[in-house]
Amino acid sequence: MKDFLEIVVRQLVDHPEQVVVEEEESEKSITYKVTVAEEDKGQVIGREGKIAKSLRTVTKAASRNMPKMVFVDIV
């Protein structure tokens, strides 16, 4: 899932080499923290957060069969 999210985010930004996705796992959930260049944050978040919401929706749909809840944070 981490690789999938990294590939998608790299397609959205102007500086794909600065995209970092970190995975934090707890008992009940997995959180992916996406870090991008400061000037690329707007492209990843989108107007009114639409792109960020879409990223979260696609990630949750792809992880539907996983036993833990999945969250995406844009840092």
N, C-alpha and C. Protein backbone atom coordinates (compact mmCIF):
# COMPACT_ATOMS: atom_id res chain seq x y z
N MET A 1 0.82 -1.19 0.00
CA MET A 1 0.00 0.00 0.00
C MET A 1 0.87 1.26 0.00
N LYS A 2 1.97 1.20 0.73
CA LYS A 2 2.87 2.35 0.81
C LYS A 2 3.41 2.70 -0.58
N ASP A 3 3.82 1.70 -1.32
CA ASP A 3 4.35 1.93 -2.67
C ASP A 3 3.29 2.50 -3.59
N PHE A 4 2.08 1.98 -3.49
CA PHE A 4 0.96 2.47 -4.30
C PHE A 4 0.72 3.96 -4.05
N LEU A 5 0.66 4.33 -2.78
CA LEU A 5 0.42 5.73 -2.42
C LEU A 5 1.56 6.62 -2.89
N GLU A 6 2.78 6.14 -2.78
CA GLU A 6 3.94 6.92 -3.23
C GLU A 6 3.90 7.15 -4.74
N ILE A 7 3.54 6.14 -5.50
CA ILE A 7 3.46 6.27 -6.96
C ILE A 7 2.39 7.29 -7.35
N VAL A 8 1.25 7.24 -6.71
CA VAL A 8 0.16 8.17 -7.04
C VAL A 8 0.56 9.60 -6.72
N VAL A 9 1.13 9.82 -5.55
CA VAL A 9 1.50 11.18 -5.13
C VAL A 9 2.61 11.73 -6.03
N ARG A 10 3.56 10.89 -6.43
CA ARG A 10 4.65 11.36 -7.31
C ARG A 10 4.12 11.87 -8.64
N GLN A 11 3.00 11.35 -9.10
CA GLN A 11 2.41 11.80 -10.35
C GLN A 11 1.76 13.18 -10.22
N LEU A 12 1.45 13.60 -9.00
CA LEU A 12 0.74 14.85 -8.77
C LEU A 12 1.65 16.06 -8.58
N VAL A 13 2.90 15.83 -8.20
CA VAL A 13 3.78 16.93 -7.77
C VAL A 13 4.81 17.31 -8.83
N ASP A 14 5.42 18.50 -8.65
CA ASP A 14 6.48 18.97 -9.53
C ASP A 14 7.85 18.44 -9.12
N HIS A 15 7.99 18.06 -7.85
CA HIS A 15 9.27 17.56 -7.32
C HIS A 15 9.07 16.14 -6.77
N PRO A 16 8.93 15.14 -7.65
CA PRO A 16 8.65 13.77 -7.19
C PRO A 16 9.77 13.16 -6.36
N GLU A 17 10.98 13.65 -6.52
CA GLU A 17 12.09 13.10 -5.75
C GLU A 17 12.00 13.43 -4.26
N GLN A 18 11.17 14.42 -3.90
CA GLN A 18 11.02 14.83 -2.50
C GLN A 18 9.82 14.19 -1.81
N VAL A 19 9.15 13.28 -2.49
CA VAL A 19 7.99 12.61 -1.89
C VAL A 19 8.48 11.49 -0.99
N VAL A 20 8.01 11.51 0.25
CA VAL A 20 8.35 10.47 1.22
C VAL A 20 7.05 9.99 1.87
N VAL A 21 6.86 8.68 1.90
CA VAL A 21 5.69 8.11 2.56
C VAL A 21 6.19 7.23 3.70
N GLU A 22 5.77 7.57 4.92
CA GLU A 22 6.15 6.81 6.11
C GLU A 22 4.93 6.06 6.62
N GLU A 23 5.16 4.87 7.12
CA GLU A 23 4.08 4.03 7.62
C GLU A 23 4.21 3.88 9.13
N GLU A 24 3.13 4.19 9.85
CA GLU A 24 3.09 4.01 11.29
C GLU A 24 1.95 3.05 11.61
N GLU A 25 2.29 1.97 12.28
CA GLU A 25 1.30 0.94 12.55
C GLU A 25 1.03 0.85 14.04
N SER A 26 -0.25 0.76 14.40
CA SER A 26 -0.64 0.54 15.78
C SER A 26 -1.51 -0.72 15.84
N GLU A 27 -2.09 -1.00 16.98
CA GLU A 27 -2.89 -2.22 17.12
C GLU A 27 -4.08 -2.26 16.17
N LYS A 28 -4.74 -1.11 15.99
CA LYS A 28 -5.98 -1.09 15.22
C LYS A 28 -5.91 -0.34 13.90
N SER A 29 -4.80 0.33 13.63
CA SER A 29 -4.77 1.14 12.42
C SER A 29 -3.36 1.26 11.84
N ILE A 30 -3.33 1.68 10.58
CA ILE A 30 -2.09 2.00 9.89
C ILE A 30 -2.24 3.42 9.37
N THR A 31 -1.27 4.27 9.66
CA THR A 31 -1.29 5.66 9.21
C THR A 31 -0.12 5.88 8.26
N TYR A 32 -0.43 6.40 7.08
CA TYR A 32 0.59 6.74 6.10
C TYR A 32 0.78 8.25 6.14
N LYS A 33 1.99 8.69 6.44
CA LYS A 33 2.30 10.12 6.47
C LYS A 33 3.03 10.48 5.19
N VAL A 34 2.40 11.33 4.39
CA VAL A 34 2.94 11.73 3.10
C VAL A 34 3.61 13.10 3.26
N THR A 35 4.90 13.16 2.95
CA THR A 35 5.65 14.41 3.02
C THR A 35 6.05 14.80 1.61
N VAL A 36 5.76 16.05 1.25
CA VAL A 36 6.12 16.56 -0.08
C VAL A 36 6.83 17.90 0.10
N ALA A 37 7.40 18.42 -0.99
CA ALA A 37 8.04 19.73 -0.95
C ALA A 37 6.98 20.78 -0.59
N GLU A 38 7.41 21.82 0.07
CA GLU A 38 6.50 22.88 0.54
C GLU A 38 5.66 23.45 -0.61
N GLU A 39 6.26 23.67 -1.77
CA GLU A 39 5.52 24.24 -2.90
C GLU A 39 4.58 23.25 -3.57
N ASP A 40 4.69 21.96 -3.22
CA ASP A 40 3.81 20.94 -3.80
C ASP A 40 2.61 20.59 -2.91
N LYS A 41 2.58 21.11 -1.71
CA LYS A 41 1.48 20.77 -0.79
C LYS A 41 0.11 21.12 -1.37
N GLY A 42 0.03 22.26 -2.01
CA GLY A 42 -1.24 22.68 -2.59
C GLY A 42 -1.72 21.74 -3.68
N GLN A 43 -0.79 21.17 -4.43
CA GLN A 43 -1.15 20.24 -5.49
C GLN A 43 -1.65 18.92 -4.92
N VAL A 44 -1.13 18.51 -3.79
CA VAL A 44 -1.54 17.26 -3.18
C VAL A 44 -2.85 17.43 -2.41
N ILE A 45 -3.05 18.60 -1.82
CA ILE A 45 -4.28 18.84 -1.07
C ILE A 45 -5.42 19.19 -2.01
N GLY A 46 -5.16 20.03 -2.99
CA GLY A 46 -6.18 20.41 -3.96
C GLY A 46 -7.13 21.47 -3.42
N ARG A 47 -7.97 21.97 -4.29
CA ARG A 47 -8.95 22.98 -3.88
C ARG A 47 -9.97 22.35 -2.95
N GLU A 48 -10.15 23.00 -1.82
CA GLU A 48 -11.08 22.54 -0.79
C GLU A 48 -10.78 21.12 -0.34
N GLY A 49 -9.53 20.67 -0.53
CA GLY A 49 -9.12 19.35 -0.07
C GLY A 49 -9.62 18.19 -0.91
N LYS A 50 -10.04 18.46 -2.14
CA LYS A 50 -10.64 17.41 -2.96
C LYS A 50 -9.64 16.32 -3.34
N ILE A 51 -8.42 16.68 -3.67
CA ILE A 51 -7.44 15.67 -4.07
C ILE A 51 -7.04 14.84 -2.85
N ALA A 52 -6.85 15.48 -1.70
CA ALA A 52 -6.51 14.75 -0.49
C ALA A 52 -7.63 13.77 -0.13
N LYS A 53 -8.86 14.21 -0.26
CA LYS A 53 -10.00 13.35 0.03
C LYS A 53 -10.03 12.16 -0.93
N SER A 54 -9.72 12.42 -2.19
CA SER A 54 -9.68 11.34 -3.19
C SER A 54 -8.57 10.34 -2.88
N LEU A 55 -7.41 10.83 -2.48
CA LEU A 55 -6.31 9.94 -2.09
C LEU A 55 -6.72 9.04 -0.93
N ARG A 56 -7.40 9.62 0.05
CA ARG A 56 -7.85 8.83 1.20
C ARG A 56 -8.90 7.80 0.77
N THR A 57 -9.80 8.18 -0.11
CA THR A 57 -10.84 7.27 -0.57
C THR A 57 -10.25 6.10 -1.33
N VAL A 58 -9.33 6.38 -2.25
CA VAL A 58 -8.70 5.31 -3.03
C VAL A 58 -7.89 4.39 -2.13
N THR A 59 -7.18 4.95 -1.18
CA THR A 59 -6.37 4.14 -0.27
C THR A 59 -7.25 3.25 0.59
N LYS A 60 -8.34 3.79 1.10
CA LYS A 60 -9.26 2.98 1.92
C LYS A 60 -9.90 1.88 1.09
N ALA A 61 -10.25 2.19 -0.15
CA ALA A 61 -10.85 1.17 -1.01
C ALA A 61 -9.85 0.07 -1.33
N ALA A 62 -8.61 0.43 -1.56
CA ALA A 62 -7.58 -0.57 -1.88
C ALA A 62 -7.23 -1.43 -0.67
N SER A 63 -7.45 -0.91 0.53
CA SER A 63 -7.11 -1.65 1.75
C SER A 63 -8.34 -2.24 2.42
N ARG A 64 -9.39 -2.37 1.69
CA ARG A 64 -10.66 -2.83 2.25
C ARG A 64 -10.56 -4.20 2.91
N ASN A 65 -9.73 -5.07 2.38
CA ASN A 65 -9.62 -6.42 2.93
C ASN A 65 -8.60 -6.55 4.05
N MET A 66 -7.98 -5.45 4.41
CA MET A 66 -7.01 -5.46 5.50
C MET A 66 -7.76 -5.42 6.84
N PRO A 67 -7.22 -6.09 7.86
CA PRO A 67 -7.91 -6.12 9.16
C PRO A 67 -7.82 -4.81 9.94
N LYS A 68 -6.96 -3.89 9.52
CA LYS A 68 -6.78 -2.62 10.24
C LYS A 68 -7.32 -1.46 9.42
N MET A 69 -7.73 -0.40 10.12
CA MET A 69 -8.17 0.82 9.45
C MET A 69 -6.94 1.54 8.90
N VAL A 70 -7.11 2.21 7.76
CA VAL A 70 -6.00 2.91 7.11
C VAL A 70 -6.31 4.40 7.04
N PHE A 71 -5.32 5.22 7.41
CA PHE A 71 -5.44 6.67 7.37
C PHE A 71 -4.31 7.25 6.57
N VAL A 72 -4.56 8.40 5.92
CA VAL A 72 -3.52 9.11 5.16
C VAL A 72 -3.44 10.53 5.68
N ASP A 73 -2.24 10.92 6.12
CA ASP A 73 -2.00 12.29 6.57
C ASP A 73 -1.00 12.95 5.62
N ILE A 74 -1.28 14.18 5.26
CA ILE A 74 -0.37 14.94 4.41
C ILE A 74 0.37 15.92 5.30
N VAL A 75 1.68 15.75 5.38
CA VAL A 75 2.49 16.54 6.30
C VAL A 75 3.20 17.64 5.55
